[in-house]
Amino acid sequence: MKVIITGGTGQLGTYLTQLLKKDYDVYTYSKQELDITDPTHLEEKMTSIQPDVVYHCAAFTNVDQCEEEAERAFMINSFGARSVAAACQSVGAKMVYVSTDYIFDGEKPCPYLETDKPNPLNIYGKSKWLGERLVQLENPNSYIIRTSWLYGKNKNGFVDTMLECARMNKEVEVVHDRTGSPTYTKDLALLLRDIIELNPGVYHVSNTGACSWYEFAQEIFERIGQKRNYVRPITSKDYRVKALRPVNSALQTHYDLPLRHWKDALDAYMSEELFCD
């Protein structure tokens, strides 16, 4: 089977490439190598390779920067995704589009299901939500994968940043009034590999359970023997950012997907990716 991965050098794309290349013929592209906003370039690449599946991981994901560069956000996350979907449709390829929990407004007091109505608060969420709709219009044989709070081997990511602070005995202030579902990128990659065996549609794929960023940080500190009280709670109002974030963006699925609890996934990440170094 031939597979194309866009955004292949990003956090998710890297994990996915490592996983799929064991069994498939994988063509992975960085944003410099494959311009998803250029339909002609996409068509040429698809026609040349004739992929069976395209995993569309490329995106403009800096939430606050999207507020300042709205046109770029929609060009990449919405219209770029549509171009990928159209190119997939032209060669009969399945498409897997990675979306976000930020398409929801956070007003729901419990986790969001696939059937809940999106109502994004920020430009990033709006651009991804439009991307979802355009992908489904262009290619009915597509999979919309909404995920949340991704972490993996990334020195600038939340988990690794908290670990560095913990090792330095540094106190940190972390938001306590926003809830979500932390998701280990390796777990997401495994589900993306297998999701194409199911029917096309919308799927929520995140580790089970939910917590606040503050609780997440406490768990990280505790796992390397550091005191929880080094993590100090603050409110969202105290954490000044340009883009509004949903108060609750925890995800849950209607489907029987093999996803472990976020605490178990965090344990696995730390043992597999960190303590083995």
Protein backbone atom coordinates (compact mmCIF):
# COMPACT_ATOMS: atom_id res chain seq x y z
CA MET A 1 0.00 0.00 0.00
CA LYS A 2 1.25 3.49 -0.88
CA VAL A 3 0.85 6.22 1.73
CA ILE A 4 1.49 9.96 1.60
CA ILE A 5 1.96 11.95 4.81
CA THR A 6 1.78 15.74 4.68
CA GLY A 7 3.44 17.61 7.52
CA GLY A 8 5.65 14.55 7.80
CA THR A 9 8.40 16.22 9.81
CA GLY A 10 6.06 17.58 12.49
CA GLN A 11 5.37 15.90 15.81
CA LEU A 12 2.53 13.66 14.59
CA GLY A 13 3.95 13.19 11.10
CA THR A 14 7.25 11.93 12.51
CA TYR A 15 5.58 9.29 14.70
CA LEU A 16 3.28 8.26 11.87
CA THR A 17 6.13 7.93 9.38
CA GLN A 18 8.14 5.75 11.76
CA LEU A 19 5.13 3.53 12.36
CA LEU A 20 3.84 3.11 8.81
CA LYS A 21 7.16 2.66 7.02
CA LYS A 22 7.49 -0.74 8.72
CA ASP A 23 4.70 -2.14 6.54
CA TYR A 24 3.90 0.33 3.77
CA ASP A 25 5.52 2.33 1.00
CA VAL A 26 5.53 5.74 2.68
CA TYR A 27 6.11 9.12 1.04
CA THR A 28 6.45 11.76 3.72
CA TYR A 29 6.73 15.49 2.96
CA SER A 30 7.55 18.58 4.98
CA LYS A 31 5.75 21.85 4.26
CA GLN A 32 8.78 22.96 2.26
CA GLU A 33 8.64 19.85 0.07
CA LEU A 34 4.89 19.85 -0.58
CA ASP A 35 2.92 23.09 -0.80
CA ILE A 36 -0.66 22.12 0.06
CA THR A 37 -1.91 25.54 -1.03
CA ASP A 38 -0.80 24.82 -4.62
CA PRO A 39 -3.47 22.57 -6.25
CA THR A 40 -1.37 21.99 -9.37
CA HIS A 41 1.61 20.78 -7.34
CA LEU A 42 -0.68 18.48 -5.34
CA GLU A 43 -2.29 17.00 -8.44
CA GLU A 44 1.11 16.30 -9.97
CA LYS A 45 2.34 14.59 -6.81
CA MET A 46 -0.80 12.48 -6.44
CA THR A 47 -0.80 11.46 -10.10
CA SER A 48 2.85 10.50 -9.90
CA ILE A 49 2.61 8.41 -6.73
CA GLN A 50 -0.99 7.11 -6.97
CA PRO A 51 -1.38 6.71 -3.18
CA ASP A 52 -3.97 4.51 -1.53
CA VAL A 53 -4.16 6.70 1.59
CA VAL A 54 -3.14 10.29 2.37
CA TYR A 55 -2.67 11.34 5.99
CA HIS A 56 -3.05 15.11 6.06
CA CYS A 57 -1.13 16.24 9.15
CA ALA A 58 0.13 19.57 7.78
CA ALA A 59 -1.51 22.55 9.48
CA PHE A 60 -0.96 26.03 10.87
CA THR A 61 -1.34 25.16 14.56
CA ASN A 62 -0.04 28.19 16.46
CA VAL A 63 -3.37 29.25 17.99
CA ASP A 64 -2.38 32.79 18.92
CA GLN A 65 -0.47 33.43 15.71
CA CYS A 66 -3.58 32.40 13.76
CA GLU A 67 -5.35 35.41 15.29
CA GLU A 68 -2.73 37.69 13.75
CA GLU A 69 -2.50 35.83 10.45
CA ALA A 70 -6.10 34.82 9.80
CA GLU A 71 -5.75 34.76 6.02
CA ARG A 72 -2.82 32.38 6.26
CA ALA A 73 -4.71 30.19 8.73
CA PHE A 74 -7.67 29.75 6.38
CA MET A 75 -5.41 29.31 3.35
CA ILE A 76 -3.58 26.40 4.99
CA ASN A 77 -6.13 24.83 7.35
CA SER A 78 -9.22 25.26 5.18
CA PHE A 79 -8.43 25.73 1.51
CA GLY A 80 -5.20 23.76 1.63
CA ALA A 81 -7.11 20.86 3.15
CA ARG A 82 -9.72 21.16 0.38
CA SER A 83 -6.98 20.98 -2.25
CA VAL A 84 -5.58 17.82 -0.66
CA ALA A 85 -9.07 16.30 -0.56
CA ALA A 86 -9.70 17.11 -4.23
CA ALA A 87 -6.34 15.63 -5.23
CA CYS A 88 -7.14 12.48 -3.24
CA GLN A 89 -10.52 12.22 -4.93
CA SER A 90 -8.90 12.48 -8.37
CA VAL A 91 -6.78 9.37 -7.78
CA GLY A 92 -9.28 7.44 -5.64
CA ALA A 93 -7.26 7.73 -2.41
CA LYS A 94 -8.66 7.70 1.10
CA MET A 95 -7.94 10.86 3.05
CA VAL A 96 -7.37 11.20 6.80
CA TYR A 97 -7.69 14.82 7.95
CA VAL A 98 -6.42 15.63 11.45
CA SER A 99 -8.63 18.21 13.14
CA THR A 100 -8.92 19.63 16.65
CA ASP A 101 -10.92 19.91 19.85
CA TYR A 102 -10.87 23.69 19.34
CA ILE A 103 -13.82 23.49 16.96
CA PHE A 104 -15.99 23.45 20.12
CA ASP A 105 -16.88 26.44 22.30
CA GLY A 106 -16.41 24.72 25.67
CA GLU A 107 -19.93 25.42 26.94
CA LYS A 108 -20.78 21.73 27.33
CA PRO A 109 -20.15 20.54 30.93
CA CYS A 110 -19.07 17.04 29.84
CA PRO A 111 -16.86 15.62 27.03
CA TYR A 112 -17.79 16.35 23.42
CA LEU A 113 -19.02 13.57 21.14
CA GLU A 114 -18.83 13.37 17.35
CA THR A 115 -22.49 14.42 17.12
CA ASP A 116 -22.08 17.64 19.10
CA LYS A 117 -22.37 20.88 17.17
CA PRO A 118 -19.12 22.77 16.56
CA ASN A 119 -18.93 26.45 17.47
CA PRO A 120 -15.27 27.55 17.46
CA LEU A 121 -14.14 30.56 19.46
CA ASN A 122 -10.89 31.42 17.67
CA ILE A 123 -9.46 31.67 14.16
CA TYR A 124 -7.58 28.40 14.47
CA GLY A 125 -10.74 26.51 15.41
CA LYS A 126 -12.78 28.24 12.71
CA SER A 127 -10.21 27.44 10.03
CA LYS A 128 -10.08 23.77 11.04
CA TRP A 129 -13.88 23.51 11.19
CA LEU A 130 -14.18 24.98 7.71
CA GLY A 131 -11.45 22.56 6.63
CA GLU A 132 -13.53 19.63 7.90
CA ARG A 133 -16.55 20.68 5.87
CA LEU A 134 -14.55 21.34 2.70
CA VAL A 135 -12.78 17.99 2.94
CA GLN A 136 -16.07 16.12 3.28
CA LEU A 137 -17.55 18.00 0.33
CA GLU A 138 -14.57 17.31 -1.92
CA ASN A 139 -13.95 13.71 -0.88
CA PRO A 140 -16.74 11.62 0.69
CA ASN A 141 -14.14 8.88 1.24
CA SER A 142 -12.49 10.87 4.02
CA TYR A 143 -11.88 10.48 7.73
CA ILE A 144 -12.09 13.50 10.03
CA ILE A 145 -10.02 12.85 13.15
CA ARG A 146 -10.51 15.30 16.00
CA THR A 147 -7.86 15.07 18.67
CA SER A 148 -6.69 17.19 21.59
CA TRP A 149 -3.76 18.35 23.71
CA LEU A 150 -1.15 16.42 21.73
CA TYR A 151 2.24 15.76 23.24
CA GLY A 152 5.25 13.73 22.19
CA LYS A 153 8.98 14.09 21.75
CA ASN A 154 9.08 17.88 21.45
CA LYS A 155 11.35 20.11 23.51
CA ASN A 156 8.88 22.98 23.12
CA GLY A 157 5.84 20.89 24.06
CA PHE A 158 3.94 21.13 27.33
CA VAL A 159 5.13 17.84 28.86
CA ASP A 160 8.80 18.35 28.07
CA THR A 161 8.63 21.97 29.25
CA MET A 162 7.11 20.90 32.57
CA LEU A 163 9.72 18.16 32.96
CA GLU A 164 12.51 20.67 32.45
CA CYS A 165 11.01 22.97 35.08
CA ALA A 166 10.63 20.07 37.49
CA ARG A 167 14.26 19.01 37.04
CA MET A 168 15.37 22.59 37.75
CA ASN A 169 13.19 22.80 40.90
CA LYS A 170 11.43 25.69 39.23
CA GLU A 171 7.94 26.79 40.25
CA VAL A 172 5.45 27.12 37.39
CA GLU A 173 2.06 28.76 37.05
CA VAL A 174 -0.47 26.71 35.10
CA VAL A 175 -4.11 27.36 34.18
CA HIS A 176 -6.53 25.40 36.36
CA ASP A 177 -9.89 26.33 34.77
CA ARG A 178 -9.53 24.76 31.31
CA THR A 179 -10.23 21.07 30.84
CA GLY A 180 -9.26 18.70 28.05
CA SER A 181 -8.00 15.25 27.10
CA PRO A 182 -4.18 14.94 26.91
CA THR A 183 -3.19 12.67 24.02
CA TYR A 184 0.10 10.86 23.47
CA THR A 185 1.02 11.31 19.80
CA LYS A 186 2.18 7.69 19.53
CA ASP A 187 -1.29 6.48 20.57
CA LEU A 188 -2.88 8.76 17.99
CA ALA A 189 -0.56 7.44 15.28
CA LEU A 190 -1.53 3.85 16.08
CA LEU A 191 -5.24 4.72 15.77
CA LEU A 192 -4.65 6.59 12.52
CA ARG A 193 -3.00 3.50 11.08
CA ASP A 194 -6.06 1.37 11.84
CA ILE A 195 -8.89 3.89 11.34
CA ILE A 196 -8.96 3.34 7.57
CA GLU A 197 -10.39 -0.14 8.21
CA LEU A 198 -13.54 1.56 9.49
CA ASN A 199 -16.14 3.48 7.49
CA PRO A 200 -15.30 7.07 6.51
CA GLY A 201 -16.69 9.69 8.88
CA VAL A 202 -15.90 11.82 11.93
CA TYR A 203 -14.01 10.28 14.85
CA HIS A 204 -12.84 11.65 18.19
CA VAL A 205 -9.44 10.16 18.95
CA SER A 206 -7.82 11.10 22.25
CA ASN A 207 -6.68 9.29 25.35
CA THR A 208 -9.62 8.71 27.69
CA GLY A 209 -10.40 10.81 30.73
CA ALA A 210 -9.91 14.52 31.21
CA CYS A 211 -8.06 16.98 33.44
CA SER A 212 -7.07 20.62 33.69
CA TRP A 213 -3.69 21.87 32.52
CA TYR A 214 -2.87 22.38 36.20
CA GLU A 215 -3.69 18.75 37.06
CA PHE A 216 -1.74 17.57 34.03
CA ALA A 217 1.32 19.51 35.17
CA GLN A 218 1.02 18.12 38.71
CA GLU A 219 1.02 14.56 37.37
CA ILE A 220 4.14 15.29 35.31
CA PHE A 221 6.01 16.72 38.30
CA GLU A 222 5.00 13.82 40.50
CA ARG A 223 6.27 11.23 38.02
CA ILE A 224 9.87 12.35 38.41
CA GLY A 225 9.63 12.64 42.18
CA GLN A 226 9.11 16.40 42.33
CA LYS A 227 6.65 18.06 44.71
CA ARG A 228 3.21 18.90 43.33
CA ASN A 229 3.23 22.25 45.13
CA TYR A 230 5.85 23.51 42.69
CA VAL A 231 2.87 23.83 40.32
CA ARG A 232 0.75 26.87 41.18
CA PRO A 233 -2.78 27.32 39.77
CA ILE A 234 -3.81 30.45 37.91
CA THR A 235 -6.96 31.39 36.02
CA SER A 236 -7.34 31.78 32.28
CA LYS A 237 -7.69 35.54 32.83
CA ASP A 238 -4.27 35.59 34.46
CA TYR A 239 -2.77 33.72 31.49
CA ARG A 240 -2.90 36.40 28.84
CA VAL A 241 -3.10 35.14 25.28
CA LYS A 242 -4.57 36.57 22.08
CA ALA A 243 -6.95 33.73 21.23
CA LEU A 244 -9.91 32.62 23.28
CA ARG A 245 -9.77 28.97 24.33
CA PRO A 246 -12.72 26.73 25.24
CA VAL A 247 -13.16 26.14 28.97
CA ASN A 248 -13.87 22.48 28.27
CA SER A 249 -12.63 20.70 25.16
CA ALA A 250 -12.47 17.13 26.45
CA LEU A 251 -13.35 14.57 23.79
CA GLN A 252 -15.23 11.29 23.91
CA THR A 253 -16.20 8.90 21.13
CA HIS A 254 -19.31 6.95 20.18
CA TYR A 255 -17.08 4.21 18.81
CA ASP A 256 -15.24 1.31 20.43
CA LEU A 257 -11.71 2.58 19.87
CA PRO A 258 -8.80 1.05 21.83
CA LEU A 259 -7.64 4.13 23.71
CA ARG A 260 -5.98 4.02 27.12
CA HIS A 261 -6.41 6.53 29.95
CA TRP A 262 -4.32 9.68 29.68
CA LYS A 263 -2.43 8.85 32.90
CA ASP A 264 -1.39 5.46 31.51
CA ALA A 265 -0.35 7.12 28.26
CA LEU A 266 1.75 9.67 30.19
CA ASP A 267 3.48 6.83 32.05
CA ALA A 268 4.23 5.16 28.72
CA TYR A 269 5.59 8.34 27.18
CA MET A 270 7.94 8.96 30.04
CA SER A 271 9.25 5.39 30.11
CA GLU A 272 9.46 4.92 26.32
CA GLU A 273 10.69 8.32 25.22
CA LEU A 274 12.44 9.92 28.17
CA PHE A 275 13.82 7.52 30.75
CA CYS A 276 15.29 5.32 28.02
CA ASP A 277 17.49 8.16 26.70
